[in-house]
Protein backbone atom coordinates (compact mmCIF):
# COMPACT_ATOMS: atom_id res chain seq x y z
CA MET A 1 -0.47 -18.19 -1.10
CA ALA A 2 -0.46 -17.06 -4.71
CA GLN A 3 -2.46 -13.96 -3.79
CA LEU A 4 -0.08 -13.12 -0.95
CA LYS A 5 2.85 -13.38 -3.36
CA LYS A 6 0.99 -11.25 -5.90
CA ASP A 7 0.39 -8.64 -3.17
CA LYS A 8 4.12 -8.82 -2.33
CA VAL A 9 3.50 -9.70 1.31
CA THR A 10 6.85 -9.65 3.07
CA VAL A 11 5.89 -11.85 6.03
CA ALA A 12 7.89 -15.07 5.95
CA PHE A 13 5.58 -17.98 6.77
CA ALA A 14 7.16 -21.30 7.69
CA SER A 15 4.70 -23.06 5.38
CA ASP A 16 1.59 -22.52 3.30
CA GLU A 17 -0.34 -24.16 6.12
CA GLU A 18 0.84 -21.48 8.56
CA ALA A 19 -0.42 -18.74 6.24
CA VAL A 20 -3.77 -20.47 5.80
CA ALA A 21 -4.07 -20.96 9.57
CA LEU A 22 -3.58 -17.22 10.07
CA GLY A 23 -6.27 -16.58 7.46
CA HIS A 24 -8.68 -18.88 9.30
CA LYS A 25 -7.88 -17.08 12.58
CA VAL A 26 -8.72 -13.78 10.87
CA CYS A 27 -12.06 -15.26 9.73
CA SER A 28 -12.79 -16.55 13.23
CA ASP A 29 -12.03 -13.19 14.84
CA ILE A 30 -14.19 -11.34 12.31
CA SER A 31 -17.07 -13.78 12.82
CA LYS A 32 -16.85 -13.03 16.57
CA GLY A 33 -17.29 -9.32 15.90
CA THR A 34 -13.80 -7.93 15.39
CA GLY A 35 -13.86 -5.31 12.67
CA VAL A 36 -11.54 -5.77 9.71
CA VAL A 37 -9.54 -2.64 10.58
CA ASP A 38 -9.11 -3.77 14.19
CA GLU A 39 -8.14 -7.23 12.97
CA ALA A 40 -5.51 -5.82 10.62
CA MET A 41 -4.15 -3.60 13.40
CA SER A 42 -3.88 -6.61 15.72
CA LEU A 43 -1.49 -8.39 13.38
CA LYS A 44 2.13 -7.74 14.27
CA MET A 45 3.32 -6.79 10.79
CA SER A 46 3.43 -3.88 8.38
CA GLN A 47 0.19 -2.15 7.55
CA ASP A 48 0.42 -3.22 3.88
CA ASP A 49 0.97 -6.87 4.81
CA ALA A 50 -1.85 -6.84 7.37
CA ILE A 51 -4.27 -5.33 4.87
CA SER A 52 -3.31 -7.93 2.26
CA ILE A 53 -3.73 -10.81 4.71
CA VAL A 54 -7.07 -9.65 6.13
CA GLY A 55 -8.34 -8.79 2.66
CA GLY A 56 -7.21 -12.10 1.22
CA ALA A 57 -8.77 -14.04 4.07
CA THR A 58 -12.13 -12.31 3.70
CA ILE A 59 -12.14 -12.91 -0.05
CA PHE A 60 -10.74 -16.44 -0.26
CA LEU A 61 -11.23 -18.15 3.11
CA CYS A 62 -14.04 -16.64 5.18
CA PRO A 63 -17.58 -17.86 4.65
CA PRO A 64 -20.12 -15.06 4.03
CA SER A 65 -21.39 -15.43 7.61
CA ALA A 66 -17.90 -14.41 8.80
CA GLY A 67 -17.58 -11.35 6.59
CA GLY A 68 -16.41 -13.23 3.52
CA THR A 69 -17.32 -12.43 -0.02
CA PRO A 70 -20.56 -14.12 -1.01
CA THR A 71 -20.31 -16.32 -4.07
CA MET A 72 -22.79 -16.29 -6.88
CA PRO A 73 -24.58 -19.53 -7.55
CA SER A 74 -24.02 -21.17 -10.91
CA LEU A 75 -26.76 -20.37 -13.33
CA ALA A 76 -27.40 -22.19 -16.57
CA ILE A 77 -28.67 -19.68 -19.12
CA PRO A 78 -30.07 -21.21 -22.27
CA GLY A 79 -28.05 -20.30 -25.35
CA LEU A 80 -24.91 -19.34 -23.42
CA PRO A 81 -21.96 -21.62 -22.78
CA GLY A 82 -21.97 -22.77 -19.24
């Protein structure tokens, strides 16, 4: 939710859970083959809000197999704080 507020999303969600549920639906649709542009266009909201929601979902909620951002594994490098 913090990212949606930062992006100034104007959609009024009834709860944080509702926003997260929409994000998980976005991830599910993308994992089934819907392109991110088509997914954003399918949301019934402004283009800016749709882009923020789809972008946020792919960064923060979707696993890499569903188009999400892969995370780097933790590496311990000798001599550097970890």
